Amino acid sequence: MGKVQLENIKAYAHHGCLPQETNIGSDYLVNVSVDTNLLIASVSDELKDTVDYVHINRIVKQEMATPSKLLEHVAKRIIDRIFIELPTVDTAMVSVSKINPPINGDVEKVTVSLHLQRGESVQ
């Protein structure tokens, strides 16, 4: 097994429960980590034998562009797309951080993380 990680993907998006959050938008950071078999790629040196991190970045950017009330919902959509579009991924972890959240305090960021295995369902 192996791990492919994308760290601190920057996005400007319009997520939140408050009207001003969805109207104005804010900065976000997204981290993605996926577990997959990297042995074949380590020998073949071929992109087709690994998880393409460019593909993961594209999924993140597209899902971040679709507004949601909750960061949990955004993280789940990203994981769902990873499992659909990248069939060799066994597990995925996605963290979505809102920078300077509007919570009446001096808070740098708030982060939601979701970790799922392929085939795991939400009850």
C-alpha atoms as a PDB file:
ATOM      1  CA  MET A   1       0.000   0.000   0.000  1.00  0.00           C
ATOM      2  CA  GLY A   2       0.942   3.618  -0.327  1.00  0.00           C
ATOM      3  CA  LYS A   3      -0.382   7.106   0.200  1.00  0.00           C
ATOM      4  CA  VAL A   4      -0.891  10.056  -2.158  1.00  0.00           C
ATOM      5  CA  GLN A   5      -1.341  13.399  -0.399  1.00  0.00           C
ATOM      6  CA  LEU A   6      -2.220  16.891  -1.586  1.00  0.00           C
ATOM      7  CA  GLU A   7      -1.627  19.542   1.038  1.00  0.00           C
ATOM      8  CA  ASN A   8      -3.082  23.036   1.367  1.00  0.00           C
ATOM      9  CA  ILE A   9      -5.033  23.258  -1.871  1.00  0.00           C
ATOM     10  CA  LYS A  10      -6.182  26.885  -1.876  1.00  0.00           C
ATOM     11  CA  ALA A  11      -9.718  27.778  -2.931  1.00  0.00           C
ATOM     12  CA  TYR A  12     -12.043  30.735  -2.668  1.00  0.00           C
ATOM     13  CA  ALA A  13     -15.594  29.482  -2.140  1.00  0.00           C
ATOM     14  CA  HIS A  14     -19.070  30.390  -0.896  1.00  0.00           C
ATOM     15  CA  HIS A  15     -19.856  27.848   1.841  1.00  0.00           C
ATOM     16  CA  GLY A  16     -21.712  28.551   5.063  1.00  0.00           C
ATOM     17  CA  CYS A  17     -25.041  28.769   6.827  1.00  0.00           C
ATOM     18  CA  LEU A  18     -25.097  32.565   7.048  1.00  0.00           C
ATOM     19  CA  PRO A  19     -26.258  34.587   4.021  1.00  0.00           C
ATOM     20  CA  GLN A  20     -23.152  36.792   4.122  1.00  0.00           C
ATOM     21  CA  GLU A  21     -20.913  33.685   3.964  1.00  0.00           C
ATOM     22  CA  THR A  22     -22.524  32.501   0.760  1.00  0.00           C
ATOM     23  CA  ASN A  23     -22.687  36.012  -0.735  1.00  0.00           C
ATOM     24  CA  ILE A  24     -19.187  37.234   0.090  1.00  0.00           C
ATOM     25  CA  GLY A  25     -17.294  33.933   0.193  1.00  0.00           C
ATOM     26  CA  SER A  26     -13.996  33.239   1.917  1.00  0.00           C
ATOM     27  CA  ASP A  27     -10.660  31.475   1.645  1.00  0.00           C
ATOM     28  CA  TYR A  28     -10.323  27.751   2.231  1.00  0.00           C
ATOM     29  CA  LEU A  29      -7.571  25.156   2.447  1.00  0.00           C
ATOM     30  CA  VAL A  30      -8.208  21.527   1.511  1.00  0.00           C
ATOM     31  CA  ASN A  31      -6.001  18.539   2.319  1.00  0.00           C
ATOM     32  CA  VAL A  32      -6.516  15.149   0.710  1.00  0.00           C
ATOM     33  CA  SER A  33      -4.859  11.846   1.523  1.00  0.00           C
ATOM     34  CA  VAL A  34      -5.697   8.603  -0.289  1.00  0.00           C
ATOM     35  CA  ASP A  35      -4.462   5.055   0.281  1.00  0.00           C
ATOM     36  CA  THR A  36      -3.820   2.899  -2.760  1.00  0.00           C
ATOM     37  CA  ASN A  37      -1.461   0.249  -4.068  1.00  0.00           C
ATOM     38  CA  LEU A  38       1.617   2.069  -5.372  1.00  0.00           C
ATOM     39  CA  LEU A  39       3.775  -1.015  -6.021  1.00  0.00           C
ATOM     40  CA  ILE A  40       2.961  -1.343  -9.728  1.00  0.00           C
ATOM     41  CA  ALA A  41       3.665   2.350 -10.368  1.00  0.00           C
ATOM     42  CA  SER A  42       6.912   2.135  -8.392  1.00  0.00           C
ATOM     43  CA  VAL A  43       8.140  -0.444 -10.913  1.00  0.00           C
ATOM     44  CA  SER A  44       6.443   0.667 -14.154  1.00  0.00           C
ATOM     45  CA  ASP A  45       7.087   4.430 -13.851  1.00  0.00           C
ATOM     46  CA  GLU A  46       3.765   4.969 -15.672  1.00  0.00           C
ATOM     47  CA  LEU A  47       1.061   7.472 -14.693  1.00  0.00           C
ATOM     48  CA  LYS A  48      -1.683   4.983 -15.601  1.00  0.00           C
ATOM     49  CA  ASP A  49      -0.516   2.742 -12.744  1.00  0.00           C
ATOM     50  CA  THR A  50      -0.965   5.280  -9.949  1.00  0.00           C
ATOM     51  CA  VAL A  51      -3.471   7.784  -8.592  1.00  0.00           C
ATOM     52  CA  ASP A  52      -3.126  11.004 -10.582  1.00  0.00           C
ATOM     53  CA  TYR A  53      -2.903  13.876  -8.100  1.00  0.00           C
ATOM     54  CA  VAL A  54      -3.841  16.317 -10.880  1.00  0.00           C
ATOM     55  CA  HIS A  55      -7.182  14.485 -11.086  1.00  0.00           C
ATOM     56  CA  ILE A  56      -7.667  14.789  -7.310  1.00  0.00           C
ATOM     57  CA  ASN A  57      -6.895  18.525  -7.447  1.00  0.00           C
ATOM     58  CA  ARG A  58      -9.463  18.975 -10.234  1.00  0.00           C
ATOM     59  CA  ILE A  59     -12.124  17.175  -8.147  1.00  0.00           C
ATOM     60  CA  VAL A  60     -11.377  19.417  -5.159  1.00  0.00           C
ATOM     61  CA  LYS A  61     -11.562  22.621  -7.216  1.00  0.00           C
ATOM     62  CA  GLN A  62     -14.869  21.585  -8.836  1.00  0.00           C
ATOM     63  CA  GLU A  63     -16.523  20.551  -5.568  1.00  0.00           C
ATOM     64  CA  MET A  64     -15.309  23.658  -3.744  1.00  0.00           C
ATOM     65  CA  ALA A  65     -17.016  25.743  -6.460  1.00  0.00           C
ATOM     66  CA  THR A  66     -20.420  24.289  -5.503  1.00  0.00           C
ATOM     67  CA  PRO A  67     -21.782  26.071  -2.396  1.00  0.00           C
ATOM     68  CA  SER A  68     -22.803  24.043   0.654  1.00  0.00           C
ATOM     69  CA  LYS A  69     -23.990  25.010   4.116  1.00  0.00           C
ATOM     70  CA  LEU A  70     -21.616  22.580   5.849  1.00  0.00           C
ATOM     71  CA  LEU A  71     -17.949  21.759   5.327  1.00  0.00           C
ATOM     72  CA  GLU A  72     -18.823  18.147   6.148  1.00  0.00           C
ATOM     73  CA  HIS A  73     -21.002  18.062   3.030  1.00  0.00           C
ATOM     74  CA  VAL A  74     -18.189  19.426   0.855  1.00  0.00           C
ATOM     75  CA  ALA A  75     -15.716  16.858   2.232  1.00  0.00           C
ATOM     76  CA  LYS A  76     -18.155  13.987   1.572  1.00  0.00           C
ATOM     77  CA  ARG A  77     -18.770  15.144  -2.006  1.00  0.00           C
ATOM     78  CA  ILE A  78     -15.015  15.214  -2.633  1.00  0.00           C
ATOM     79  CA  ILE A  79     -14.581  11.696  -1.244  1.00  0.00           C
ATOM     80  CA  ASP A  80     -17.562  10.383  -3.226  1.00  0.00           C
ATOM     81  CA  ARG A  81     -16.045  11.713  -6.462  1.00  0.00           C
ATOM     82  CA  ILE A  82     -12.636  10.251  -5.614  1.00  0.00           C
ATOM     83  CA  PHE A  83     -14.170   6.805  -5.116  1.00  0.00           C
ATOM     84  CA  ILE A  84     -16.206   7.058  -8.334  1.00  0.00           C
ATOM     85  CA  GLU A  85     -13.454   8.441 -10.563  1.00  0.00           C
ATOM     86  CA  LEU A  86     -10.362   6.760  -9.086  1.00  0.00           C
ATOM     87  CA  PRO A  87     -11.228   3.079  -8.631  1.00  0.00           C
ATOM     88  CA  THR A  88      -7.845   2.066  -7.165  1.00  0.00           C
ATOM     89  CA  VAL A  89      -8.294   4.281  -4.078  1.00  0.00           C
ATOM     90  CA  ASP A  90      -9.104   2.184  -0.991  1.00  0.00           C
ATOM     91  CA  THR A  91      -9.482   4.914   1.638  1.00  0.00           C
ATOM     92  CA  ALA A  92      -9.665   8.695   1.509  1.00  0.00           C
ATOM     93  CA  MET A  93      -9.329  11.450   4.065  1.00  0.00           C
ATOM     94  CA  VAL A  94     -10.353  15.015   3.280  1.00  0.00           C
ATOM     95  CA  SER A  95      -9.934  18.057   5.523  1.00  0.00           C
ATOM     96  CA  VAL A  96     -11.619  21.341   4.618  1.00  0.00           C
ATOM     97  CA  SER A  97     -10.531  24.463   6.520  1.00  0.00           C
ATOM     98  CA  LYS A  98     -12.299  27.817   6.486  1.00  0.00           C
ATOM     99  CA  ILE A  99      -9.770  30.596   7.020  1.00  0.00           C
ATOM    100  CA  ASN A 100     -10.849  33.389   9.435  1.00  0.00           C
ATOM    101  CA  PRO A 101     -14.351  32.020  10.111  1.00  0.00           C
ATOM    102  CA  PRO A 102     -17.003  34.539  11.199  1.00  0.00           C
ATOM    103  CA  ILE A 103     -17.441  33.240  14.761  1.00  0.00           C
ATOM    104  CA  ASN A 104     -16.869  36.368  16.891  1.00  0.00           C
ATOM    105  CA  GLY A 105     -13.396  35.332  17.989  1.00  0.00           C
ATOM    106  CA  ASP A 106      -9.762  35.423  16.987  1.00  0.00           C
ATOM    107  CA  VAL A 107      -9.685  32.053  15.219  1.00  0.00           C
ATOM    108  CA  GLU A 108      -7.245  31.388  12.386  1.00  0.00           C
ATOM    109  CA  LYS A 109      -9.296  28.595  10.854  1.00  0.00           C
ATOM    110  CA  VAL A 110     -11.866  25.925  11.523  1.00  0.00           C
ATOM    111  CA  THR A 111     -11.315  22.461  10.031  1.00  0.00           C
ATOM    112  CA  VAL A 112     -13.592  19.503   9.348  1.00  0.00           C
ATOM    113  CA  SER A 113     -12.022  16.146   8.478  1.00  0.00           C
ATOM    114  CA  LEU A 114     -13.742  13.095   7.030  1.00  0.00           C
ATOM    115  CA  HIS A 115     -12.102   9.671   6.621  1.00  0.00           C
ATOM    116  CA  LEU A 116     -13.883   6.906   4.696  1.00  0.00           C
ATOM    117  CA  GLN A 117     -13.090   3.493   3.260  1.00  0.00           C
ATOM    118  CA  ARG A 118     -14.408   2.448  -0.132  1.00  0.00           C
ATOM    119  CA  GLY A 119     -17.868   0.923   0.286  1.00  0.00           C
ATOM    120  CA  GLU A 120     -18.453   2.503   3.698  1.00  0.00           C
ATOM    121  CA  SER A 121     -21.886   4.057   3.855  1.00  0.00           C
ATOM    122  CA  VAL A 122     -23.375   6.786   5.985  1.00  0.00           C
ATOM    123  CA  GLN A 123     -26.228   5.518   8.152  1.00  0.00           C
END
